[in-house]
Amino acid sequence: MKNSQLRKIIKEVIKEQFNQQNEWAFNTGDLCINWAAQWLQLPNFTSSNPNQPCNMICQKQAIWQANIANAGPQQQAQLKCKLSHAAEQYNIHSCATSSAPNC
């Protein structure tokens, strides 16, 4: 095989990998948005229990944080998405001053 043919094959492989990574990143963003919309529909966010939703938010944050170190790249991206939205809801619902047992 000639060097020029080999270079062409290598370029095609690199281009294909780049396209797959960008497509995956785009799909991950869509999945994150979809997940967040569904997560906010959980009954914990409309519960009359004064410990909710903070109890659930803090519990999930601990679980997701514990799992992120051993996760593969795709699962890490998903967990980062969840942690980002959990932090946002933690602030919105003033969980830092909550008496929820998991916070």
C-alpha atoms as a PDB file:
ATOM      1  CA  MET A   1       0.000   0.000   0.000  1.00  0.00           C
ATOM      2  CA  LYS A   2       1.329   3.409  -0.922  1.00  0.00           C
ATOM      3  CA  ASN A   3       1.841   6.124   1.661  1.00  0.00           C
ATOM      4  CA  SER A   4      -0.689   8.375  -0.073  1.00  0.00           C
ATOM      5  CA  GLN A   5      -3.350   5.666   0.135  1.00  0.00           C
ATOM      6  CA  LEU A   6      -2.571   5.065   3.780  1.00  0.00           C
ATOM      7  CA  ARG A   7      -2.799   8.793   4.562  1.00  0.00           C
ATOM      8  CA  LYS A   8      -6.147   8.977   2.795  1.00  0.00           C
ATOM      9  CA  ILE A   9      -7.510   6.064   4.853  1.00  0.00           C
ATOM     10  CA  ILE A  10      -6.229   7.589   8.100  1.00  0.00           C
ATOM     11  CA  LYS A  11      -7.833  10.950   7.238  1.00  0.00           C
ATOM     12  CA  GLU A  12     -11.154   9.244   6.511  1.00  0.00           C
ATOM     13  CA  VAL A  13     -11.058   7.341   9.813  1.00  0.00           C
ATOM     14  CA  ILE A  14     -10.235  10.497  11.783  1.00  0.00           C
ATOM     15  CA  LYS A  15     -13.001  12.410  10.008  1.00  0.00           C
ATOM     16  CA  GLU A  16     -15.498   9.637  10.756  1.00  0.00           C
ATOM     17  CA  GLN A  17     -14.512   9.553  14.438  1.00  0.00           C
ATOM     18  CA  PHE A  18     -14.830  13.341  14.674  1.00  0.00           C
ATOM     19  CA  ASN A  19     -18.289  13.237  13.116  1.00  0.00           C
ATOM     20  CA  GLN A  20     -19.395  10.474  15.482  1.00  0.00           C
ATOM     21  CA  GLN A  21     -18.175  12.427  18.516  1.00  0.00           C
ATOM     22  CA  ASN A  22     -19.954  15.601  17.400  1.00  0.00           C
ATOM     23  CA  GLU A  23     -23.146  13.690  16.648  1.00  0.00           C
ATOM     24  CA  TRP A  24     -22.943  12.012  20.052  1.00  0.00           C
ATOM     25  CA  ALA A  25     -22.398  15.369  21.772  1.00  0.00           C
ATOM     26  CA  PHE A  26     -25.406  16.834  19.978  1.00  0.00           C
ATOM     27  CA  ASN A  27     -27.577  13.853  20.912  1.00  0.00           C
ATOM     28  CA  THR A  28     -26.369  14.027  24.515  1.00  0.00           C
ATOM     29  CA  GLY A  29     -27.526  17.652  24.680  1.00  0.00           C
ATOM     30  CA  ASP A  30     -30.959  16.672  23.404  1.00  0.00           C
ATOM     31  CA  LEU A  31     -31.134  13.792  25.872  1.00  0.00           C
ATOM     32  CA  CYS A  32     -30.166  16.123  28.705  1.00  0.00           C
ATOM     33  CA  ILE A  33     -32.928  18.580  27.835  1.00  0.00           C
ATOM     34  CA  ASN A  34     -35.485  15.769  27.535  1.00  0.00           C
ATOM     35  CA  TRP A  35     -34.369  14.200  30.811  1.00  0.00           C
ATOM     36  CA  ALA A  36     -34.560  17.536  32.650  1.00  0.00           C
ATOM     37  CA  ALA A  37     -38.087  18.179  31.424  1.00  0.00           C
ATOM     38  CA  GLN A  38     -39.210  14.751  32.627  1.00  0.00           C
ATOM     39  CA  TRP A  39     -37.333  15.055  35.926  1.00  0.00           C
ATOM     40  CA  LEU A  40     -39.154  18.271  36.773  1.00  0.00           C
ATOM     41  CA  GLN A  41     -42.464  16.421  36.359  1.00  0.00           C
ATOM     42  CA  LEU A  42     -41.700  14.079  39.265  1.00  0.00           C
ATOM     43  CA  PRO A  43     -44.196  14.386  42.136  1.00  0.00           C
ATOM     44  CA  ASN A  44     -41.380  15.416  44.502  1.00  0.00           C
ATOM     45  CA  PHE A  45     -41.439  18.873  42.918  1.00  0.00           C
ATOM     46  CA  THR A  46     -45.126  19.409  43.733  1.00  0.00           C
ATOM     47  CA  SER A  47     -45.254  17.539  47.038  1.00  0.00           C
ATOM     48  CA  SER A  48     -46.778  19.200  50.091  1.00  0.00           C
ATOM     49  CA  ASN A  49     -44.045  17.556  52.192  1.00  0.00           C
ATOM     50  CA  PRO A  50     -41.783  20.420  53.369  1.00  0.00           C
ATOM     51  CA  ASN A  51     -38.689  18.209  52.918  1.00  0.00           C
ATOM     52  CA  GLN A  52     -39.396  17.822  49.217  1.00  0.00           C
ATOM     53  CA  PRO A  53     -38.025  18.319  46.640  1.00  0.00           C
ATOM     54  CA  CYS A  54     -34.791  19.010  48.556  1.00  0.00           C
ATOM     55  CA  ASN A  55     -34.615  15.538  50.089  1.00  0.00           C
ATOM     56  CA  MET A  56     -34.821  13.911  46.667  1.00  0.00           C
ATOM     57  CA  ILE A  57     -32.456  16.426  45.023  1.00  0.00           C
ATOM     58  CA  CYS A  58     -29.759  15.931  47.674  1.00  0.00           C
ATOM     59  CA  GLN A  59     -30.160  12.154  47.604  1.00  0.00           C
ATOM     60  CA  LYS A  60     -29.814  12.040  43.811  1.00  0.00           C
ATOM     61  CA  GLN A  61     -26.818  14.405  43.858  1.00  0.00           C
ATOM     62  CA  ALA A  62     -24.998  12.060  46.253  1.00  0.00           C
ATOM     63  CA  ILE A  63     -25.761   9.002  44.123  1.00  0.00           C
ATOM     64  CA  TRP A  64     -24.781  10.633  40.835  1.00  0.00           C
ATOM     65  CA  GLN A  65     -21.589  12.121  42.311  1.00  0.00           C
ATOM     66  CA  ALA A  66     -20.583   8.716  43.680  1.00  0.00           C
ATOM     67  CA  ASN A  67     -21.154   7.048  40.296  1.00  0.00           C
ATOM     68  CA  ILE A  68     -19.390   9.570  38.075  1.00  0.00           C
ATOM     69  CA  ALA A  69     -15.809   8.444  38.820  1.00  0.00           C
ATOM     70  CA  ASN A  70     -16.368   4.892  37.540  1.00  0.00           C
ATOM     71  CA  ALA A  71     -18.585   5.798  34.593  1.00  0.00           C
ATOM     72  CA  GLY A  72     -17.614   5.684  30.940  1.00  0.00           C
ATOM     73  CA  PRO A  73     -17.587   8.878  28.860  1.00  0.00           C
ATOM     74  CA  GLN A  74     -21.224   8.702  27.767  1.00  0.00           C
ATOM     75  CA  GLN A  75     -22.516   7.933  31.247  1.00  0.00           C
ATOM     76  CA  GLN A  76     -20.277  10.680  32.681  1.00  0.00           C
ATOM     77  CA  ALA A  77     -21.884  13.159  30.291  1.00  0.00           C
ATOM     78  CA  GLN A  78     -25.328  12.001  31.396  1.00  0.00           C
ATOM     79  CA  LEU A  79     -24.389  12.269  35.068  1.00  0.00           C
ATOM     80  CA  LYS A  80     -22.896  15.739  34.555  1.00  0.00           C
ATOM     81  CA  CYS A  81     -26.174  16.775  32.932  1.00  0.00           C
ATOM     82  CA  LYS A  82     -28.130  15.460  35.903  1.00  0.00           C
ATOM     83  CA  LEU A  83     -25.785  17.067  38.427  1.00  0.00           C
ATOM     84  CA  SER A  84     -26.026  20.387  36.636  1.00  0.00           C
ATOM     85  CA  HIS A  85     -29.819  20.366  36.742  1.00  0.00           C
ATOM     86  CA  ALA A  86     -29.822  19.122  40.338  1.00  0.00           C
ATOM     87  CA  ALA A  87     -27.559  22.023  41.370  1.00  0.00           C
ATOM     88  CA  GLU A  88     -29.907  24.442  39.652  1.00  0.00           C
ATOM     89  CA  GLN A  89     -32.938  23.014  41.469  1.00  0.00           C
ATOM     90  CA  TYR A  90     -30.963  22.898  44.739  1.00  0.00           C
ATOM     91  CA  ASN A  91     -30.560  26.666  44.469  1.00  0.00           C
ATOM     92  CA  ILE A  92     -34.092  27.354  43.247  1.00  0.00           C
ATOM     93  CA  HIS A  93     -35.625  25.469  46.185  1.00  0.00           C
ATOM     94  CA  SER A  94     -33.147  26.845  48.776  1.00  0.00           C
ATOM     95  CA  CYS A  95     -32.005  23.368  49.758  1.00  0.00           C
ATOM     96  CA  ALA A  96     -28.966  24.755  51.581  1.00  0.00           C
ATOM     97  CA  THR A  97     -31.308  25.934  54.336  1.00  0.00           C
ATOM     98  CA  SER A  98     -33.670  22.966  54.119  1.00  0.00           C
ATOM     99  CA  SER A  99     -34.235  20.586  57.012  1.00  0.00           C
ATOM    100  CA  ALA A 100     -34.448  17.654  54.567  1.00  0.00           C
ATOM    101  CA  PRO A 101     -32.557  14.660  56.007  1.00  0.00           C
ATOM    102  CA  ASN A 102     -30.486  14.011  52.859  1.00  0.00           C
ATOM    103  CA  CYS A 103     -29.189  17.594  52.598  1.00  0.00           C
END
